[in-house]
Amino acid sequence: MIWLILGLVLFLGIHSVRIAAPGFRQAQIDARGLNAWKGIYSVLAIIGFVILVWGYGIARQDPVVFWAAPAWMSHVVALLMVPVMILLVASQVPAGRIKAAVKHPQLLAVKIWALAHLLVNGDLASIVLFGAFLAWAVVDRISEKKRLRAGITSNPVAGPVKWDIISVVGGLVLYVLFLLYLHQWLIGVPPIAGL
């Protein structure tokens, strides 16, 4: 469990600098340049991610289980993952109607993903992992609203509908890949029993 927590601290910590210490972030950019900051940020995020994945795998070997979800709940989660994948793709392309309406599609995707996975994973390691991501996404969204009110950031403006089409098609392709292959390959667990 200690490795999972360390990985979460590193991964979510570096992703929280803008929330908790925007002055520090700007000072680093001013002193070293934007590319150097992005490099440090990326290295720490990757290290944190590797450690949290490894720690999660170790923690799940001897689980402390609080609840067991019924088998049908995996179908609910599979359904919830459809908008998650569409929102993830929407967050990576220029704004169409989806991105403009949602404002922060990646944060919403993380919230739905984390909540969905909490529905079917009642062990302590999963509660720590998915609960941490859910809490982080909520705090980051609140922080983003404060930055918006302060005029530091702005919401995306709706662009051509082609970006929505790309988001939906790309998200559905990503969803099918995860459902049929990637979840099993990356996580070691089929997303729906019997797949």
Protein backbone atom coordinates (compact mmCIF):
# COMPACT_ATOMS: atom_id res chain seq x y z
CA MET A 1 0.00 0.00 0.00
CA ILE A 2 2.91 2.37 0.69
CA TRP A 3 4.01 2.21 -2.97
CA LEU A 4 0.50 2.96 -4.18
CA ILE A 5 0.28 5.98 -1.88
CA LEU A 6 3.77 7.18 -2.88
CA GLY A 7 2.84 6.88 -6.56
CA LEU A 8 -0.39 8.79 -5.99
CA VAL A 9 1.44 11.53 -4.10
CA LEU A 10 3.94 11.93 -6.95
CA PHE A 11 1.44 11.65 -9.80
CA LEU A 12 -1.41 13.68 -8.35
CA GLY A 13 1.05 15.97 -6.54
CA ILE A 14 2.70 17.18 -9.74
CA HIS A 15 -0.76 17.51 -11.29
CA SER A 16 -1.78 19.67 -8.30
CA VAL A 17 1.00 22.25 -8.43
CA ARG A 18 -1.22 24.64 -10.38
CA ILE A 19 -3.91 24.16 -7.73
CA ALA A 20 -1.80 24.42 -4.56
CA ALA A 21 1.24 26.43 -5.63
CA PRO A 22 0.65 28.44 -8.80
CA GLY A 23 3.37 30.90 -7.79
CA PHE A 24 5.92 28.09 -7.53
CA ARG A 25 4.90 26.81 -10.96
CA GLN A 26 5.28 30.24 -12.52
CA ALA A 27 8.63 30.80 -10.77
CA GLN A 28 9.93 27.53 -12.23
CA ILE A 29 8.74 28.51 -15.70
CA ASP A 30 10.32 31.97 -15.36
CA ALA A 31 13.63 30.56 -14.09
CA ARG A 32 13.98 27.50 -16.35
CA GLY A 33 11.60 28.08 -19.24
CA LEU A 34 8.33 26.40 -20.17
CA ASN A 35 9.94 23.40 -21.89
CA ALA A 36 12.14 22.63 -18.87
CA TRP A 37 9.08 22.81 -16.60
CA LYS A 38 7.15 20.50 -18.92
CA GLY A 39 10.10 18.09 -18.89
CA ILE A 40 10.31 18.00 -15.08
CA TYR A 41 6.52 17.71 -14.87
CA SER A 42 6.45 14.83 -17.35
CA VAL A 43 9.28 12.89 -15.69
CA LEU A 44 7.70 13.17 -12.24
CA ALA A 45 4.26 12.25 -13.62
CA ILE A 46 5.64 9.16 -15.40
CA ILE A 47 7.61 8.04 -12.34
CA GLY A 48 4.54 8.56 -10.14
CA PHE A 49 2.31 6.68 -12.58
CA VAL A 50 4.67 3.70 -12.80
CA ILE A 51 4.97 3.52 -9.01
CA LEU A 52 1.20 3.79 -8.45
CA VAL A 53 0.45 1.08 -11.02
CA TRP A 54 3.09 -1.18 -9.47
CA GLY A 55 1.89 -0.37 -5.95
CA TYR A 56 -1.72 -1.03 -6.91
CA GLY A 57 -0.75 -4.42 -8.32
CA ILE A 58 1.09 -5.33 -5.13
CA ALA A 59 -1.69 -4.08 -2.85
CA ARG A 60 -4.30 -6.13 -4.75
CA GLN A 61 -2.40 -9.37 -4.09
CA ASP A 62 -3.53 -9.34 -0.45
CA PRO A 63 -6.78 -7.35 -0.60
CA VAL A 64 -8.81 -5.94 2.24
CA VAL A 65 -12.34 -6.15 0.83
CA PHE A 66 -15.15 -3.88 2.03
CA TRP A 67 -17.77 -4.84 -0.54
CA ALA A 68 -18.25 -7.09 -3.54
CA ALA A 69 -20.25 -5.70 -6.43
CA PRO A 70 -22.88 -7.87 -8.11
CA ALA A 71 -21.83 -9.23 -11.51
CA TRP A 72 -24.30 -7.03 -13.39
CA MET A 73 -22.57 -3.91 -12.09
CA SER A 74 -19.72 -4.46 -14.57
CA HIS A 75 -22.25 -3.79 -17.35
CA VAL A 76 -23.19 -0.48 -15.70
CA VAL A 77 -19.52 0.46 -15.55
CA ALA A 78 -19.05 -0.55 -19.19
CA LEU A 79 -21.89 1.79 -20.12
CA LEU A 80 -20.44 4.65 -18.04
CA MET A 81 -17.12 4.23 -19.82
CA VAL A 82 -18.61 5.21 -23.20
CA PRO A 83 -18.83 8.95 -22.34
CA VAL A 84 -15.47 8.71 -20.53
CA MET A 85 -13.69 7.72 -23.74
CA ILE A 86 -15.54 10.33 -25.81
CA LEU A 87 -14.67 13.03 -23.27
CA LEU A 88 -11.02 11.95 -23.20
CA VAL A 89 -10.76 12.31 -26.96
CA ALA A 90 -12.66 15.63 -26.84
CA SER A 91 -10.11 16.93 -24.33
CA GLN A 92 -7.28 16.31 -26.80
CA VAL A 93 -8.75 17.96 -29.91
CA PRO A 94 -9.76 21.58 -30.59
CA ALA A 95 -13.10 22.65 -29.18
CA GLY A 96 -16.31 21.58 -30.83
CA ARG A 97 -19.72 21.73 -29.15
CA ILE A 98 -18.87 18.96 -26.64
CA LYS A 99 -15.74 20.60 -25.29
CA ALA A 100 -17.41 24.02 -25.14
CA ALA A 101 -20.44 22.64 -23.27
CA VAL A 102 -18.46 20.51 -20.80
CA LYS A 103 -15.63 23.07 -20.44
CA HIS A 104 -13.17 20.55 -18.97
CA PRO A 105 -13.86 17.17 -20.58
CA GLN A 106 -10.78 15.47 -19.16
CA LEU A 107 -11.72 16.33 -15.57
CA LEU A 108 -15.27 15.11 -16.12
CA ALA A 109 -13.90 11.93 -17.70
CA VAL A 110 -11.68 11.30 -14.66
CA LYS A 111 -14.63 11.83 -12.30
CA ILE A 112 -16.89 9.40 -14.17
CA TRP A 113 -14.04 6.87 -14.58
CA ALA A 114 -13.15 6.96 -10.89
CA LEU A 115 -16.76 6.79 -9.68
CA ALA A 116 -17.56 3.94 -12.08
CA HIS A 117 -14.56 1.94 -10.90
CA LEU A 118 -15.49 2.52 -7.25
CA LEU A 119 -18.84 0.87 -8.01
CA VAL A 120 -17.18 -2.45 -8.85
CA ASN A 121 -13.99 -2.40 -6.79
CA GLY A 122 -14.62 -2.60 -3.07
CA ASP A 123 -11.09 -3.44 -1.95
CA LEU A 124 -8.97 -0.97 0.02
CA ALA A 125 -6.37 -0.44 -2.72
CA SER A 126 -9.09 0.41 -5.25
CA ILE A 127 -10.85 2.73 -2.83
CA VAL A 128 -7.55 4.57 -2.25
CA LEU A 129 -6.69 4.70 -5.98
CA PHE A 130 -10.04 5.65 -7.47
CA GLY A 131 -11.06 7.74 -4.47
CA ALA A 132 -7.87 9.78 -4.76
CA PHE A 133 -8.45 10.43 -8.46
CA LEU A 134 -12.08 11.38 -7.84
CA ALA A 135 -11.15 13.77 -5.03
CA TRP A 136 -8.34 15.29 -7.12
CA ALA A 137 -10.66 15.88 -10.10
CA VAL A 138 -13.26 17.58 -7.89
CA VAL A 139 -10.64 19.84 -6.26
CA ASP A 140 -9.07 20.64 -9.64
CA ARG A 141 -12.45 21.62 -11.09
CA ILE A 142 -13.12 23.93 -8.13
CA SER A 143 -9.66 25.43 -8.59
CA GLU A 144 -10.30 25.90 -12.31
CA LYS A 145 -13.54 27.78 -11.55
CA LYS A 146 -11.55 30.13 -9.26
CA ARG A 147 -8.96 30.72 -12.01
CA LEU A 148 -11.79 31.42 -14.45
CA ARG A 149 -13.39 33.98 -12.11
CA ALA A 150 -10.00 35.62 -11.63
CA GLY A 151 -9.56 35.92 -15.40
CA ILE A 152 -6.49 33.65 -15.41
CA THR A 153 -8.11 31.09 -17.71
CA SER A 154 -11.06 31.04 -20.08
CA ASN A 155 -13.57 28.45 -21.17
CA PRO A 156 -13.28 26.94 -24.65
CA VAL A 157 -15.41 28.49 -27.37
CA ALA A 158 -17.46 26.17 -29.58
CA GLY A 159 -15.76 25.40 -32.85
CA PRO A 160 -16.67 23.29 -35.87
CA VAL A 161 -18.81 20.19 -35.34
CA LYS A 162 -16.11 18.09 -37.04
CA TRP A 163 -14.28 18.03 -33.68
CA ASP A 164 -17.37 16.53 -32.06
CA ILE A 165 -17.54 13.87 -34.77
CA ILE A 166 -13.86 13.09 -34.24
CA SER A 167 -14.42 12.96 -30.46
CA VAL A 168 -17.37 10.57 -30.73
CA VAL A 169 -15.85 8.28 -33.37
CA GLY A 170 -12.41 8.32 -31.71
CA GLY A 171 -13.96 7.75 -28.29
CA LEU A 172 -16.03 4.81 -29.52
CA VAL A 173 -13.00 3.23 -31.22
CA LEU A 174 -10.97 3.68 -28.02
CA TYR A 175 -13.86 2.24 -26.00
CA VAL A 176 -14.08 -0.90 -28.16
CA LEU A 177 -10.30 -1.37 -28.00
CA PHE A 178 -10.37 -1.13 -24.21
CA LEU A 179 -13.41 -3.36 -23.89
CA LEU A 180 -12.06 -6.12 -26.11
CA TYR A 181 -8.28 -5.92 -25.67
CA LEU A 182 -6.57 -3.10 -23.80
CA HIS A 183 -8.17 -3.41 -20.35
CA GLN A 184 -7.23 -7.09 -20.14
CA TRP A 185 -3.76 -6.46 -21.53
CA LEU A 186 -2.94 -3.39 -19.41
CA ILE A 187 -4.81 -4.19 -16.18
CA GLY A 188 -4.96 -7.99 -16.33
CA VAL A 189 -8.71 -8.07 -15.72
CA PRO A 190 -11.45 -8.36 -18.36
CA PRO A 191 -13.82 -5.38 -18.02
CA ILE A 192 -16.83 -7.69 -18.27
CA ALA A 193 -16.70 -11.29 -17.07
CA GLY A 194 -16.73 -13.71 -19.96
CA LEU A 195 -15.02 -11.41 -22.48
